[in-house]
Amino acid sequence: MHQYKHIMFCADLSEHSLITAQRAINLAEKYSAKLSIIHVVESLPAYASGYLGVADVERELIDTAKIELKKLSAKFNIPAEQQVLVVGNPALEVFAQAKELGVDLIVVGSHEKHGLGRLLGSNASGILHKAHCDVLTVKIQADT
């Protein structure tokens, strides 16, 4: 069995993050692996940038995400240097950060949806198809 050295947990900062976090933490403990956490604030569409207040909305989203990421990280003792917050396309940013950090396992939650999204959420699917390493999707039940 593969011995993971660096696991990155993708946090959507919802209550479901706790489920995915616990799975990532269990794996990190099992393999004595380094654990990083990432949250991606999805960038607002370029056409919206001309509207007044859009920059303020994006700044508010980033500020809120910083606070929530710190809270979640504190709950699981993930040090500040292993916390990543970026703005952009979630799948692309997770892929880029995982590669840059030398991650060999990405743990991401997958919410139940309809159609192809039922198989994997759109972000989880994007990560799976772009990742250079193993990806574990943790199924999140709709009623969880």
C-alpha atoms as a PDB file:
ATOM      1  CA  MET A   1       0.000   0.000   0.000  1.00  0.00           C
ATOM      2  CA  HIS A   2       1.176   3.518  -0.814  1.00  0.00           C
ATOM      3  CA  GLN A   3       2.692   5.499   2.049  1.00  0.00           C
ATOM      4  CA  TYR A   4       1.347   9.067   1.837  1.00  0.00           C
ATOM      5  CA  LYS A   5       3.702  11.829   2.981  1.00  0.00           C
ATOM      6  CA  HIS A   6       1.654  14.988   2.410  1.00  0.00           C
ATOM      7  CA  ILE A   7      -2.142  15.087   2.411  1.00  0.00           C
ATOM      8  CA  MET A   8      -4.125  18.165   1.424  1.00  0.00           C
ATOM      9  CA  PHE A   9      -7.693  18.548   2.605  1.00  0.00           C
ATOM     10  CA  CYS A  10     -10.020  20.731   0.513  1.00  0.00           C
ATOM     11  CA  ALA A  11     -12.368  22.658   2.788  1.00  0.00           C
ATOM     12  CA  ASP A  12     -15.553  24.255   1.509  1.00  0.00           C
ATOM     13  CA  LEU A  13     -15.958  25.753   5.017  1.00  0.00           C
ATOM     14  CA  SER A  14     -19.500  24.437   5.372  1.00  0.00           C
ATOM     15  CA  GLU A  15     -20.563  22.114   8.174  1.00  0.00           C
ATOM     16  CA  HIS A  16     -19.702  19.287   5.775  1.00  0.00           C
ATOM     17  CA  SER A  17     -16.032  20.230   6.004  1.00  0.00           C
ATOM     18  CA  LEU A  18     -15.898  18.514   9.375  1.00  0.00           C
ATOM     19  CA  ILE A  19     -16.701  15.141   7.789  1.00  0.00           C
ATOM     20  CA  THR A  20     -14.036  15.488   5.136  1.00  0.00           C
ATOM     21  CA  ALA A  21     -11.544  16.933   7.634  1.00  0.00           C
ATOM     22  CA  GLN A  22     -11.930  13.959   9.930  1.00  0.00           C
ATOM     23  CA  ARG A  23     -11.206  11.549   7.068  1.00  0.00           C
ATOM     24  CA  ALA A  24      -8.106  13.533   6.086  1.00  0.00           C
ATOM     25  CA  ILE A  25      -6.902  13.695   9.682  1.00  0.00           C
ATOM     26  CA  ASN A  26      -7.369   9.960  10.169  1.00  0.00           C
ATOM     27  CA  LEU A  27      -5.300   9.291   7.047  1.00  0.00           C
ATOM     28  CA  ALA A  28      -2.607  11.768   8.069  1.00  0.00           C
ATOM     29  CA  GLU A  29      -2.336  10.050  11.458  1.00  0.00           C
ATOM     30  CA  LYS A  30      -2.283   6.586   9.891  1.00  0.00           C
ATOM     31  CA  TYR A  31       0.556   7.483   7.538  1.00  0.00           C
ATOM     32  CA  SER A  32       2.293  10.025   9.802  1.00  0.00           C
ATOM     33  CA  ALA A  33       1.815  12.451   6.938  1.00  0.00           C
ATOM     34  CA  LYS A  34       1.914  16.223   6.866  1.00  0.00           C
ATOM     35  CA  LEU A  35      -1.598  17.676   6.592  1.00  0.00           C
ATOM     36  CA  SER A  36      -2.399  20.903   4.767  1.00  0.00           C
ATOM     37  CA  ILE A  37      -5.775  22.535   4.314  1.00  0.00           C
ATOM     38  CA  ILE A  38      -6.917  24.604   1.345  1.00  0.00           C
ATOM     39  CA  HIS A  39      -9.944  26.754   0.675  1.00  0.00           C
ATOM     40  CA  VAL A  40     -10.545  28.445  -2.646  1.00  0.00           C
ATOM     41  CA  VAL A  41     -12.730  31.528  -2.822  1.00  0.00           C
ATOM     42  CA  GLU A  42     -14.277  31.281  -6.249  1.00  0.00           C
ATOM     43  CA  SER A  43     -13.463  34.420  -8.183  1.00  0.00           C
ATOM     44  CA  LEU A  44     -16.368  36.525  -9.340  1.00  0.00           C
ATOM     45  CA  PRO A  45     -16.992  36.585 -13.100  1.00  0.00           C
ATOM     46  CA  ALA A  46     -14.888  39.096 -15.031  1.00  0.00           C
ATOM     47  CA  TYR A  47     -17.988  40.817 -16.451  1.00  0.00           C
ATOM     48  CA  ALA A  48     -19.083  41.658 -12.886  1.00  0.00           C
ATOM     49  CA  SER A  49     -15.894  43.582 -12.131  1.00  0.00           C
ATOM     50  CA  GLY A  50     -17.298  46.754 -13.695  1.00  0.00           C
ATOM     51  CA  TYR A  51     -20.189  46.935 -11.234  1.00  0.00           C
ATOM     52  CA  LEU A  52     -19.873  49.085  -8.160  1.00  0.00           C
ATOM     53  CA  GLY A  53     -19.380  47.136  -4.988  1.00  0.00           C
ATOM     54  CA  VAL A  54     -18.173  43.893  -6.587  1.00  0.00           C
ATOM     55  CA  ALA A  55     -14.647  44.381  -5.240  1.00  0.00           C
ATOM     56  CA  ASP A  56     -16.169  44.942  -1.790  1.00  0.00           C
ATOM     57  CA  VAL A  57     -18.178  41.712  -2.074  1.00  0.00           C
ATOM     58  CA  GLU A  58     -15.094  39.752  -3.086  1.00  0.00           C
ATOM     59  CA  ARG A  59     -13.080  41.295  -0.228  1.00  0.00           C
ATOM     60  CA  GLU A  60     -15.867  40.340   2.210  1.00  0.00           C
ATOM     61  CA  LEU A  61     -15.842  36.749   0.905  1.00  0.00           C
ATOM     62  CA  ILE A  62     -12.076  36.550   1.347  1.00  0.00           C
ATOM     63  CA  ASP A  63     -12.163  38.063   4.850  1.00  0.00           C
ATOM     64  CA  THR A  64     -14.908  35.673   5.955  1.00  0.00           C
ATOM     65  CA  ALA A  65     -13.056  32.709   4.456  1.00  0.00           C
ATOM     66  CA  LYS A  66      -9.871  33.669   6.335  1.00  0.00           C
ATOM     67  CA  ILE A  67     -11.743  33.671   9.633  1.00  0.00           C
ATOM     68  CA  GLU A  68     -13.517  30.370   8.955  1.00  0.00           C
ATOM     69  CA  LEU A  69     -10.344  28.684   7.698  1.00  0.00           C
ATOM     70  CA  LYS A  70      -8.495  29.698  10.868  1.00  0.00           C
ATOM     71  CA  LYS A  71     -11.338  28.369  13.039  1.00  0.00           C
ATOM     72  CA  LEU A  72     -11.442  25.036  11.219  1.00  0.00           C
ATOM     73  CA  SER A  73      -7.648  24.740  11.258  1.00  0.00           C
ATOM     74  CA  ALA A  74      -7.531  25.509  14.975  1.00  0.00           C
ATOM     75  CA  LYS A  75     -10.108  22.801  15.662  1.00  0.00           C
ATOM     76  CA  PHE A  76      -7.785  20.236  14.064  1.00  0.00           C
ATOM     77  CA  ASN A  77      -4.428  21.789  15.073  1.00  0.00           C
ATOM     78  CA  ILE A  78      -3.339  22.586  11.516  1.00  0.00           C
ATOM     79  CA  PRO A  79      -0.587  25.214  11.755  1.00  0.00           C
ATOM     80  CA  ALA A  80      -0.819  28.510   9.860  1.00  0.00           C
ATOM     81  CA  GLU A  81       1.994  27.570   7.469  1.00  0.00           C
ATOM     82  CA  GLN A  82      -0.083  24.586   6.294  1.00  0.00           C
ATOM     83  CA  GLN A  83      -3.210  26.665   5.613  1.00  0.00           C
ATOM     84  CA  VAL A  84      -3.801  27.863   2.065  1.00  0.00           C
ATOM     85  CA  LEU A  85      -6.412  30.409   0.995  1.00  0.00           C
ATOM     86  CA  VAL A  86      -6.518  31.448  -2.644  1.00  0.00           C
ATOM     87  CA  VAL A  87      -8.937  33.105  -5.043  1.00  0.00           C
ATOM     88  CA  GLY A  88      -9.734  31.541  -8.401  1.00  0.00           C
ATOM     89  CA  ASN A  89     -11.155  28.433 -10.014  1.00  0.00           C
ATOM     90  CA  PRO A  90     -11.364  25.770  -7.272  1.00  0.00           C
ATOM     91  CA  ALA A  91     -10.205  22.796  -9.344  1.00  0.00           C
ATOM     92  CA  LEU A  92      -7.340  24.682 -10.982  1.00  0.00           C
ATOM     93  CA  GLU A  93      -6.159  26.266  -7.737  1.00  0.00           C
ATOM     94  CA  VAL A  94      -6.271  22.988  -5.789  1.00  0.00           C
ATOM     95  CA  PHE A  95      -4.324  21.297  -8.580  1.00  0.00           C
ATOM     96  CA  ALA A  96      -1.711  24.069  -8.691  1.00  0.00           C
ATOM     97  CA  GLN A  97      -1.271  24.232  -4.908  1.00  0.00           C
ATOM     98  CA  ALA A  98      -1.064  20.439  -4.567  1.00  0.00           C
ATOM     99  CA  LYS A  99       1.657  20.334  -7.188  1.00  0.00           C
ATOM    100  CA  GLU A 100       3.560  23.256  -5.660  1.00  0.00           C
ATOM    101  CA  LEU A 101       3.413  21.769  -2.148  1.00  0.00           C
ATOM    102  CA  GLY A 102       4.338  18.232  -3.217  1.00  0.00           C
ATOM    103  CA  VAL A 103       1.038  16.762  -2.067  1.00  0.00           C
ATOM    104  CA  ASP A 104       0.552  13.071  -2.811  1.00  0.00           C
ATOM    105  CA  LEU A 105      -3.096  12.757  -1.684  1.00  0.00           C
ATOM    106  CA  ILE A 106      -5.930  15.253  -2.021  1.00  0.00           C
ATOM    107  CA  VAL A 107      -9.030  14.682   0.136  1.00  0.00           C
ATOM    108  CA  VAL A 108     -12.178  16.417  -1.102  1.00  0.00           C
ATOM    109  CA  GLY A 109     -15.857  16.184  -0.191  1.00  0.00           C
ATOM    110  CA  SER A 110     -18.379  15.339  -2.875  1.00  0.00           C
ATOM    111  CA  HIS A 111     -21.959  16.488  -2.417  1.00  0.00           C
ATOM    112  CA  GLU A 112     -24.838  14.557  -3.929  1.00  0.00           C
ATOM    113  CA  LYS A 113     -26.249  16.286  -6.988  1.00  0.00           C
ATOM    114  CA  HIS A 114     -28.170  15.370 -10.110  1.00  0.00           C
ATOM    115  CA  GLY A 115     -26.908  14.114 -13.461  1.00  0.00           C
ATOM    116  CA  LEU A 116     -23.128  13.903 -13.840  1.00  0.00           C
ATOM    117  CA  GLY A 117     -22.738  15.936 -10.674  1.00  0.00           C
ATOM    118  CA  ARG A 118     -24.253  12.996  -8.820  1.00  0.00           C
ATOM    119  CA  LEU A 119     -21.127  10.994  -9.553  1.00  0.00           C
ATOM    120  CA  LEU A 120     -18.882  13.754  -8.208  1.00  0.00           C
ATOM    121  CA  GLY A 121     -19.482  17.404  -7.460  1.00  0.00           C
ATOM    122  CA  SER A 122     -18.217  19.714 -10.184  1.00  0.00           C
ATOM    123  CA  ASN A 123     -15.230  20.879  -8.101  1.00  0.00           C
ATOM    124  CA  ALA A 124     -14.382  17.348  -6.970  1.00  0.00           C
ATOM    125  CA  SER A 125     -14.645  16.148 -10.555  1.00  0.00           C
ATOM    126  CA  GLY A 126     -12.387  18.935 -11.796  1.00  0.00           C
ATOM    127  CA  ILE A 127      -9.804  18.134  -9.124  1.00  0.00           C
ATOM    128  CA  LEU A 128      -9.931  14.436  -9.927  1.00  0.00           C
ATOM    129  CA  HIS A 129      -9.292  15.000 -13.622  1.00  0.00           C
ATOM    130  CA  LYS A 130      -6.460  17.509 -13.187  1.00  0.00           C
ATOM    131  CA  ALA A 131      -4.621  16.096 -10.184  1.00  0.00           C
ATOM    132  CA  HIS A 132      -1.130  14.672 -10.521  1.00  0.00           C
ATOM    133  CA  CYS A 133      -1.655  12.552  -7.410  1.00  0.00           C
ATOM    134  CA  ASP A 134      -4.247  10.360  -5.730  1.00  0.00           C
ATOM    135  CA  VAL A 135      -7.602  11.925  -4.889  1.00  0.00           C
ATOM    136  CA  LEU A 136      -9.965  10.609  -2.219  1.00  0.00           C
ATOM    137  CA  THR A 137     -13.537  11.799  -2.527  1.00  0.00           C
ATOM    138  CA  VAL A 138     -15.571  11.634   0.656  1.00  0.00           C
ATOM    139  CA  LYS A 139     -19.246  11.229  -0.117  1.00  0.00           C
ATOM    140  CA  ILE A 140     -21.344  13.777   1.736  1.00  0.00           C
ATOM    141  CA  GLN A 141     -24.971  12.741   2.165  1.00  0.00           C
ATOM    142  CA  ALA A 142     -27.620  15.380   1.397  1.00  0.00           C
ATOM    143  CA  ASP A 143     -29.060  15.075   4.912  1.00  0.00           C
ATOM    144  CA  THR A 144     -25.684  15.180   6.689  1.00  0.00           C
END
